[in-house]
């Protein structure tokens, strides 16, 4: 089995095209054609992680956070990033990172937080813009069904909880091929009229190349007329953070104890307690202070995330309970998510959960 087979499966869950522009995701060290001996899944890739991979005979590390985030100009071993990369290369260990691609998928980081907290009726907190594309093409009526079905087969026409969605209009198409043309219907140099179906359907942006390839392969014409546009519609399945509901409302003090227990954290920094029970809860793994307004606008009673600065706690304004549980603590179950996902597909292959804590923050 090659690395590409593992990473392709991960990208079915978290396509890299949904990663944030600032991020650095994908295969950071190694070659996609390398044969995989074992996979070690971790939150961060540190020197101790490379040692663990060597010990457990894993030559692919699947990491949530990317070890290489900005450009490296030298490899002198002067900092932990350089040392990790140098050690990985020396021992032929590949490193793959998914980070915000997994943040932005529906069953990703924040969804795992919802599962741990047993939140119900979950939905995306901040939908990512520009993720829905629309295809419009024109097909001879007799070929419309086969082209439409082929596009459905590769994932086009999916809208939220529905699939095989399209809109179709019958009309007359005209064309006149020059001396270099080879028309399937009609004669070159003569204007032809053909009964055609205009087919329109949406698709997620990461499928664009597959949709175009399928259209060109199944369409009967020599020259295929089609249009692709990006829609402003919100995609209810792509975006960062989630919001859901507790089965039963809780008093603030009970809620904070519950979060401590479920999220396995020693300390919670939070805003002033509210004079109401907590029922609707927004979550966002990692640094999530930017999501406070979205959490408030969607009626969340509490917002669980990390890395709030002093003045940002004022943004609660008595409307919401901000709970900063720590960066590592908010994302700690991500590696479990990835291991479970990979083991569903690769049942007889070594998929190993790292047993090393990579949390750089300690409490005394």
Protein backbone atom coordinates (compact mmCIF):
# COMPACT_ATOMS: atom_id res chain seq x y z
CA UNK A 1 0.00 0.00 0.00
CA UNK A 2 1.34 3.41 -0.96
CA UNK A 3 1.10 6.66 0.97
CA UNK A 4 -1.20 8.06 -1.71
CA UNK A 5 -3.86 5.45 -0.90
CA UNK A 6 -3.89 6.52 2.76
CA UNK A 7 -3.93 10.25 2.03
CA UNK A 8 -6.60 9.92 -0.68
CA UNK A 9 -8.87 8.27 1.88
CA UNK A 10 -8.21 11.04 4.42
CA UNK A 11 -9.03 13.61 1.75
CA UNK A 12 -12.40 11.96 1.17
CA UNK A 13 -13.17 13.10 4.71
CA UNK A 14 -11.25 16.39 4.61
CA UNK A 15 -10.47 17.63 1.08
CA UNK A 16 -7.39 19.87 1.13
CA UNK A 17 -9.18 22.49 -0.98
CA UNK A 18 -11.18 23.45 2.14
CA UNK A 19 -8.08 24.30 4.17
CA UNK A 20 -7.64 27.99 4.98
CA UNK A 21 -5.38 30.01 2.68
CA UNK A 22 -2.82 30.64 5.45
CA UNK A 23 -2.44 26.93 6.18
CA UNK A 24 0.10 24.34 5.04
CA UNK A 25 -1.54 20.95 4.60
CA UNK A 26 -0.92 17.73 2.72
CA UNK A 27 2.25 15.65 2.45
CA UNK A 28 4.94 17.86 4.00
CA UNK A 29 7.77 15.32 4.04
CA UNK A 30 8.09 12.22 1.86
CA UNK A 31 6.88 10.78 -1.43
CA UNK A 32 3.31 9.73 -2.25
CA UNK A 33 4.58 6.56 -3.97
CA UNK A 34 6.39 5.21 -0.90
CA UNK A 35 5.15 1.87 0.41
CA UNK A 36 3.61 2.26 3.86
CA UNK A 37 4.76 -0.02 6.67
CA UNK A 38 2.66 1.54 9.42
CA UNK A 39 0.82 4.77 10.25
CA UNK A 40 1.24 6.75 13.46
CA UNK A 41 -1.53 9.28 14.13
CA UNK A 42 -0.76 12.29 16.30
CA UNK A 43 -1.88 15.82 17.07
CA UNK A 44 1.59 17.34 16.64
CA UNK A 45 4.81 16.06 15.11
CA UNK A 46 7.71 16.59 17.50
CA UNK A 47 11.10 14.87 17.89
CA UNK A 48 9.51 12.47 20.37
CA UNK A 49 6.89 11.67 17.72
CA UNK A 50 9.59 10.69 15.22
CA UNK A 51 11.16 8.50 17.92
CA UNK A 52 7.79 6.88 18.57
CA UNK A 53 7.32 6.23 14.84
CA UNK A 54 10.76 4.60 14.65
CA UNK A 55 10.02 2.46 17.72
CA UNK A 56 6.64 1.34 16.36
CA UNK A 57 7.94 0.78 12.80
CA UNK A 58 5.73 3.43 11.22
CA UNK A 59 7.05 5.29 8.19
CA UNK A 60 4.03 7.60 7.81
CA UNK A 61 2.95 10.10 10.45
CA UNK A 62 -0.54 11.54 10.05
CA UNK A 63 -0.54 14.73 12.08
CA UNK A 64 -3.27 17.26 12.69
CA UNK A 65 -0.96 20.28 13.03
CA UNK A 66 1.63 20.89 10.28
CA UNK A 67 5.21 20.87 11.53
CA UNK A 68 6.17 23.17 8.61
CA UNK A 69 3.95 26.22 8.77
CA UNK A 70 6.05 28.95 7.16
CA UNK A 71 8.99 28.81 4.78
CA UNK A 72 12.21 27.12 5.88
CA UNK A 73 15.39 28.58 4.40
CA UNK A 74 17.91 26.47 6.28
CA UNK A 75 18.15 23.00 7.84
CA UNK A 76 20.75 23.45 10.55
CA UNK A 77 18.85 21.91 13.44
CA UNK A 78 18.72 25.26 15.25
CA UNK A 79 15.04 24.87 16.22
CA UNK A 80 12.59 22.07 16.84
CA UNK A 81 10.98 22.38 13.39
CA UNK A 82 14.28 21.90 11.57
CA UNK A 83 15.27 19.03 13.86
CA UNK A 84 11.98 17.21 13.29
CA UNK A 85 12.18 17.50 9.51
CA UNK A 86 15.84 16.47 9.42
CA UNK A 87 15.18 13.45 11.64
CA UNK A 88 12.14 12.40 9.60
CA UNK A 89 14.14 12.55 6.35
CA UNK A 90 17.07 10.68 7.90
CA UNK A 91 14.79 7.80 8.93
CA UNK A 92 12.61 7.83 5.76
CA UNK A 93 9.50 8.87 7.66
CA UNK A 94 6.81 10.78 5.78
CA UNK A 95 4.68 13.47 7.47
CA UNK A 96 1.15 14.38 6.38
CA UNK A 97 -0.92 17.16 7.97
CA UNK A 98 -4.64 17.86 7.60
CA UNK A 99 -5.23 20.81 10.01
CA UNK A 100 -7.86 23.32 8.78
CA UNK A 101 -9.04 20.94 6.06
CA UNK A 102 -10.27 18.75 8.92
CA UNK A 103 -11.48 21.83 10.81
CA UNK A 104 -13.75 22.75 7.91
CA UNK A 105 -15.32 19.36 7.21
CA UNK A 106 -18.67 18.38 8.69
CA UNK A 107 -17.36 15.31 10.52
CA UNK A 108 -14.10 16.91 11.63
CA UNK A 109 -12.58 18.52 14.70
CA UNK A 110 -15.60 20.40 16.01
CA UNK A 111 -17.92 17.49 15.26
CA UNK A 112 -15.72 15.31 17.47
CA UNK A 113 -16.03 17.90 20.25
CA UNK A 114 -19.82 17.71 19.85
CA UNK A 115 -19.70 13.94 20.13
CA UNK A 116 -17.57 14.05 23.28
CA UNK A 117 -19.94 16.60 24.82
CA UNK A 118 -22.97 14.63 23.57
CA UNK A 119 -24.44 17.61 21.76
CA UNK A 120 -27.47 16.99 19.58
CA UNK A 121 -28.82 18.64 16.40
CA UNK A 122 -25.37 19.86 15.36
CA UNK A 123 -24.80 22.27 12.48
CA UNK A 124 -21.89 24.31 11.10
CA UNK A 125 -21.14 27.50 13.05
CA UNK A 126 -19.32 29.50 10.35
CA UNK A 127 -19.97 28.21 6.81
CA UNK A 128 -17.03 28.60 4.44
CA UNK A 129 -17.78 30.89 1.50
CA UNK A 130 -17.30 29.97 -2.15
CA UNK A 131 -17.53 26.21 -1.70
CA UNK A 132 -20.53 25.59 -3.98
CA UNK A 133 -20.08 25.53 -7.76
CA UNK A 134 -22.74 25.30 -10.45
CA UNK A 135 -22.43 23.51 -13.77
CA UNK A 136 -24.64 24.35 -16.74
CA UNK A 137 -24.21 22.30 -19.91
CA UNK A 138 -26.16 21.57 -23.12
CA UNK A 139 -26.66 17.97 -24.24
CA UNK A 140 -28.61 16.34 -27.10
CA UNK A 141 -31.93 15.19 -25.66
CA UNK A 142 -31.18 11.52 -26.37
CA UNK A 143 -27.93 11.70 -24.39
CA UNK A 144 -29.17 13.83 -21.48
CA UNK A 145 -30.00 10.93 -19.17
CA UNK A 146 -26.62 9.21 -19.54
CA UNK A 147 -24.63 12.42 -19.06
CA UNK A 148 -26.73 13.44 -16.07
CA UNK A 149 -26.35 10.02 -14.42
CA UNK A 150 -22.58 10.05 -14.92
CA UNK A 151 -22.33 13.46 -13.24
CA UNK A 152 -24.46 12.22 -10.34
CA UNK A 153 -22.15 9.23 -10.01
CA UNK A 154 -19.11 11.44 -9.26
CA UNK A 155 -20.96 13.56 -6.69
CA UNK A 156 -22.52 16.41 -8.65
CA UNK A 157 -26.11 17.34 -7.85
CA UNK A 158 -25.76 16.93 -4.07
CA UNK A 159 -27.43 19.62 -1.96
CA UNK A 160 -27.32 19.21 1.82
CA UNK A 161 -29.25 16.05 2.66
CA UNK A 162 -30.31 15.45 -0.97
CA UNK A 163 -28.55 13.94 -3.98
CA UNK A 164 -29.19 13.66 -7.73
CA UNK A 165 -30.58 17.21 -7.86
CA UNK A 166 -30.67 18.97 -11.24
CA UNK A 167 -32.79 21.34 -13.31
CA UNK A 168 -33.44 20.60 -16.98
CA UNK A 169 -34.81 22.73 -19.82
CA UNK A 170 -35.40 21.52 -23.38
CA UNK A 171 -34.65 23.84 -26.29
CA UNK A 172 -32.90 24.21 -29.64
CA UNK A 173 -29.13 24.48 -29.98
CA UNK A 174 -27.42 25.77 -33.12
CA UNK A 175 -23.87 25.26 -34.39
CA UNK A 176 -21.80 25.51 -37.55
CA UNK A 177 -18.48 23.65 -37.70
CA UNK A 178 -15.52 25.00 -39.71
CA UNK A 179 -13.34 22.95 -42.09
CA UNK A 180 -11.36 21.51 -39.16
CA UNK A 181 -14.41 20.31 -37.25
CA UNK A 182 -15.70 16.75 -37.02
CA UNK A 183 -19.34 17.12 -35.94
CA UNK A 184 -21.09 14.11 -34.43
CA UNK A 185 -24.41 15.51 -35.65
CA UNK A 186 -24.88 17.59 -38.80
CA UNK A 187 -22.43 18.61 -41.54
CA UNK A 188 -19.43 20.94 -41.32
CA UNK A 189 -20.01 24.31 -42.92
CA UNK A 190 -23.77 24.07 -42.53
CA UNK A 191 -25.68 25.58 -39.61
CA UNK A 192 -27.38 22.76 -37.72
CA UNK A 193 -30.26 22.86 -35.26
CA UNK A 194 -30.47 20.20 -32.59
CA UNK A 195 -32.96 19.48 -29.81
CA UNK A 196 -30.93 19.78 -26.61
CA UNK A 197 -31.44 19.67 -22.86
CA UNK A 198 -29.86 22.34 -20.70
CA UNK A 199 -28.74 20.59 -17.52
CA UNK A 200 -27.91 22.60 -14.39
CA UNK A 201 -26.57 21.16 -11.13
CA UNK A 202 -24.43 22.23 -8.21
CA UNK A 203 -21.39 20.44 -6.80
CA UNK A 204 -18.81 21.02 -4.02
CA UNK A 205 -15.70 22.82 -5.26
CA UNK A 206 -13.27 19.98 -4.51
CA UNK A 207 -15.01 17.87 -7.18
CA UNK A 208 -14.55 20.40 -10.00
CA UNK A 209 -11.81 18.58 -11.92
CA UNK A 210 -13.65 15.25 -11.58
CA UNK A 211 -16.95 16.80 -12.74
CA UNK A 212 -15.35 18.42 -15.81
CA UNK A 213 -13.47 15.23 -16.70
CA UNK A 214 -16.69 13.20 -16.46
CA UNK A 215 -18.64 15.72 -18.54
CA UNK A 216 -16.04 15.73 -21.33
CA UNK A 217 -15.84 11.93 -21.29
CA UNK A 218 -19.59 11.27 -21.49
CA UNK A 219 -20.77 14.19 -23.66
CA UNK A 220 -21.17 13.14 -27.31
CA UNK A 221 -20.11 16.44 -28.92
CA UNK A 222 -16.64 17.20 -30.22
CA UNK A 223 -16.79 20.63 -28.56
CA UNK A 224 -18.61 20.60 -25.23
CA UNK A 225 -20.37 23.81 -24.21
CA UNK A 226 -20.51 24.31 -20.45
CA UNK A 227 -20.39 27.02 -17.80
CA UNK A 228 -19.11 26.82 -14.22
CA UNK A 229 -19.86 29.55 -11.69
CA UNK A 230 -19.18 29.96 -7.98
CA UNK A 231 -22.30 30.52 -5.87
CA UNK A 232 -22.70 32.69 -2.79
CA UNK A 233 -25.01 30.14 -1.14
CA UNK A 234 -23.93 28.83 2.26
CA UNK A 235 -22.85 25.20 2.32
CA UNK A 236 -24.39 23.64 5.42
CA UNK A 237 -21.75 20.89 5.45
CA UNK A 238 -18.52 22.89 4.99
CA UNK A 239 -17.21 25.39 7.52
CA UNK A 240 -15.50 25.82 10.85
CA UNK A 241 -16.99 25.31 14.30
CA UNK A 242 -20.31 23.71 15.19
CA UNK A 243 -23.35 24.44 17.28
CA UNK A 244 -25.57 21.92 19.02
CA UNK A 245 -27.74 21.33 22.06
CA UNK A 246 -27.33 19.53 25.36
CA UNK A 247 -29.96 16.91 26.05
CA UNK A 248 -30.94 18.80 29.20
CA UNK A 249 -30.24 22.40 30.15
CA UNK A 250 -27.67 22.93 32.92
CA UNK A 251 -26.88 25.58 35.48
CA UNK A 252 -23.61 27.38 34.68
CA UNK A 253 -21.68 25.76 37.53
CA UNK A 254 -22.87 22.29 36.53
CA UNK A 255 -22.05 22.99 32.89
CA UNK A 256 -18.48 24.04 33.70
CA UNK A 257 -17.95 20.87 35.75
CA UNK A 258 -19.41 18.83 32.89
CA UNK A 259 -17.06 20.43 30.34
CA UNK A 260 -14.06 19.84 32.62
CA UNK A 261 -14.96 16.17 32.93
CA UNK A 262 -15.78 15.49 29.29
CA UNK A 263 -12.92 17.52 27.80
CA UNK A 264 -10.41 16.21 30.32
CA UNK A 265 -9.11 19.64 31.29
CA UNK A 266 -7.75 20.88 34.60
CA UNK A 267 -8.67 24.50 34.12
CA UNK A 268 -11.29 26.60 32.32
CA UNK A 269 -10.97 30.33 31.80
CA UNK A 270 -14.44 31.78 31.33
CA UNK A 271 -16.42 34.99 31.17
CA UNK A 272 -18.88 36.14 33.84
CA UNK A 273 -21.53 33.49 34.64
CA UNK A 274 -24.95 34.09 33.08
CA UNK A 275 -28.24 34.30 34.89
CA UNK A 276 -29.68 31.53 32.75
CA UNK A 277 -29.22 27.85 32.08
CA UNK A 278 -26.96 26.51 29.34
CA UNK A 279 -28.70 24.56 26.58
CA UNK A 280 -27.34 25.64 23.18
CA UNK A 281 -23.57 25.28 22.87
CA UNK A 282 -21.14 26.39 20.15
CA UNK A 283 -17.72 24.73 19.85
CA UNK A 284 -14.61 25.38 17.79
CA UNK A 285 -11.35 23.45 18.12
CA UNK A 286 -8.16 25.47 18.56
CA UNK A 287 -7.95 29.26 18.47
CA UNK A 288 -11.56 30.32 18.14
CA UNK A 289 -11.94 33.86 19.44
CA UNK A 290 -12.91 34.98 15.91
CA UNK A 291 -16.09 32.91 16.18
CA UNK A 292 -17.64 34.71 19.16
CA UNK A 293 -19.97 36.90 17.08
CA UNK A 294 -21.19 33.90 15.08
CA UNK A 295 -21.89 31.99 18.30
CA UNK A 296 -23.86 34.93 19.71
CA UNK A 297 -25.80 35.51 16.48
CA UNK A 298 -26.85 31.85 16.39
CA UNK A 299 -28.19 32.02 19.93
CA UNK A 300 -25.58 29.93 21.72
CA UNK A 301 -25.70 30.09 25.51
CA UNK A 302 -22.04 29.01 25.75
CA UNK A 303 -19.03 28.93 23.46
CA UNK A 304 -16.26 26.37 23.98
CA UNK A 305 -12.94 27.08 22.29
CA UNK A 306 -9.43 28.31 23.17
CA UNK A 307 -6.87 31.10 23.13
CA UNK A 308 -9.02 34.08 24.13
CA UNK A 309 -7.03 37.20 25.02
CA UNK A 310 -7.87 39.34 28.04
CA UNK A 311 -9.98 41.98 26.28
CA UNK A 312 -11.78 39.43 24.13
CA UNK A 313 -13.64 38.12 27.16
CA UNK A 314 -15.51 41.45 27.24
CA UNK A 315 -17.14 40.46 23.94
CA UNK A 316 -19.39 38.10 25.86
CA UNK A 317 -21.35 41.22 26.95
CA UNK A 318 -23.60 39.13 29.19
CA UNK A 319 -25.03 37.32 26.17
CA UNK A 320 -22.94 34.18 26.21
CA UNK A 321 -20.62 32.19 28.44
CA UNK A 322 -17.14 32.08 26.91
CA UNK A 323 -15.27 28.95 28.01
CA UNK A 324 -11.59 28.80 27.06
CA UNK A 325 -10.56 25.21 27.76
CA UNK A 326 -7.08 25.35 26.20
CA UNK A 327 -5.84 24.79 22.66
CA UNK A 328 -4.58 21.25 23.12
CA UNK A 329 -7.60 20.26 25.22
CA UNK A 330 -10.05 21.42 22.54
CA UNK A 331 -8.31 19.38 19.82
CA UNK A 332 -7.05 16.39 21.82
CA UNK A 333 -9.65 13.95 20.48
CA UNK A 334 -8.84 14.74 16.84
CA UNK A 335 -6.25 11.99 16.62
CA UNK A 336 -8.85 9.50 17.90
CA UNK A 337 -11.18 10.66 15.14
CA UNK A 338 -8.51 10.04 12.49
CA UNK A 339 -7.55 6.63 13.87
CA UNK A 340 -11.17 5.47 13.95
CA UNK A 341 -11.74 6.76 10.42
CA UNK A 342 -8.63 5.06 9.00
CA UNK A 343 -9.34 1.76 10.76
CA UNK A 344 -12.77 1.60 9.11
CA UNK A 345 -11.04 1.32 5.73
CA UNK A 346 -7.69 -0.29 6.54
CA UNK A 347 -8.75 -3.00 8.98
CA UNK A 348 -5.72 -5.25 8.56
CA UNK A 349 -3.10 -2.55 8.53
CA UNK A 350 -1.14 -0.97 11.37
CA UNK A 351 -2.91 2.29 12.27
CA UNK A 352 -1.45 3.35 15.62
CA UNK A 353 -2.68 6.08 17.95
CA UNK A 354 0.24 8.02 19.42
CA UNK A 355 0.35 7.63 23.18
CA UNK A 356 2.55 10.69 23.70
CA UNK A 357 1.10 13.98 24.90
CA UNK A 358 2.32 16.91 22.80
CA UNK A 359 0.71 19.59 24.99
CA UNK A 360 3.36 22.31 25.56
CA UNK A 361 1.31 23.95 28.35
CA UNK A 362 1.47 22.81 31.96
CA UNK A 363 -0.61 23.85 34.98
CA UNK A 364 0.74 24.11 38.52
